[in-house]
């Protein structure tokens, strides 16, 4: 499965979350590090759902871009 991930760059760190898996998020100093942590968090979360007999959410979100003209 392929889940959409939203990456956000802060002043001194990166954050990321998966819209289809509420509560699954990570933060780290670099984008690469946050990606590793988020992958681990997603795998852990899905393993927990499976162990509890809960359904695995299907990916349903996608990211897009919206270009806006600057105000003058």
Protein backbone atom coordinates (compact mmCIF):
# COMPACT_ATOMS: atom_id res chain seq x y z
CA UNK A 1 0.00 0.00 0.00
CA UNK A 2 1.08 3.54 -0.59
CA UNK A 3 0.01 6.15 1.95
CA UNK A 4 0.21 9.88 1.36
CA UNK A 5 2.69 11.58 3.67
CA UNK A 6 2.69 15.30 4.40
CA UNK A 7 6.14 16.72 5.18
CA UNK A 8 6.46 20.09 6.88
CA UNK A 9 9.73 21.95 7.26
CA UNK A 10 10.01 24.08 10.38
CA UNK A 11 12.68 26.57 11.37
CA UNK A 12 14.94 23.89 12.83
CA UNK A 13 13.28 20.54 12.16
CA UNK A 14 10.98 18.50 9.97
CA UNK A 15 7.62 16.99 10.78
CA UNK A 16 5.53 14.47 8.87
CA UNK A 17 2.17 12.77 9.21
CA UNK A 18 -0.11 10.37 7.36
CA UNK A 19 -3.63 11.78 6.83
CA UNK A 20 -5.17 8.31 6.51
CA UNK A 21 -3.69 7.15 9.82
CA UNK A 22 -4.75 9.71 12.45
CA UNK A 23 -2.17 10.13 15.19
CA UNK A 24 0.71 8.69 13.17
CA UNK A 25 3.36 11.40 12.99
CA UNK A 26 7.08 11.99 13.48
CA UNK A 27 9.56 14.83 13.89
CA UNK A 28 13.32 14.96 13.36
CA UNK A 29 16.18 17.27 12.45
CA UNK A 30 16.23 16.29 8.76
CA UNK A 31 13.72 15.17 6.16
CA UNK A 32 15.58 11.89 5.74
CA UNK A 33 15.47 11.18 9.48
CA UNK A 34 11.77 12.03 9.76
CA UNK A 35 11.04 9.69 6.86
CA UNK A 36 12.77 6.80 8.65
CA UNK A 37 10.90 7.52 11.89
CA UNK A 38 7.57 7.86 10.12
CA UNK A 39 8.02 4.57 8.25
CA UNK A 40 8.67 2.86 11.61
CA UNK A 41 5.62 4.55 13.13
CA UNK A 42 3.36 3.47 10.27
CA UNK A 43 4.60 -0.12 10.41
CA UNK A 44 4.16 -0.23 14.20
CA UNK A 45 0.65 1.25 13.93
CA UNK A 46 -0.45 -1.21 11.24
CA UNK A 47 1.00 -4.16 13.18
CA UNK A 48 -0.94 -3.01 16.25
CA UNK A 49 -4.19 -2.76 14.30
CA UNK A 50 -3.67 -6.23 12.85
CA UNK A 51 -2.87 -7.70 16.27
CA UNK A 52 -6.12 -6.25 17.63
CA UNK A 53 -8.13 -7.56 14.69
CA UNK A 54 -8.88 -4.03 13.52
CA UNK A 55 -9.19 -3.22 9.81
CA UNK A 56 -6.20 -1.67 8.07
CA UNK A 57 -7.27 1.70 6.63
CA UNK A 58 -7.00 1.86 2.87
CA UNK A 59 -5.09 4.82 1.47
CA UNK A 60 -7.62 7.44 0.43
CA UNK A 61 -5.78 10.77 0.64
CA UNK A 62 -3.60 12.45 -1.91
CA UNK A 63 -1.55 15.62 -1.95
CA UNK A 64 -1.86 18.33 -4.51
CA UNK A 65 -0.55 21.79 -5.12
CA UNK A 66 -2.51 24.97 -5.59
CA UNK A 67 -0.76 27.88 -7.26
CA UNK A 68 -1.92 31.29 -6.08
CA UNK A 69 -0.93 34.58 -7.63
CA UNK A 70 0.71 36.93 -5.10
CA UNK A 71 -1.39 39.88 -3.94
CA UNK A 72 -0.14 43.20 -5.16
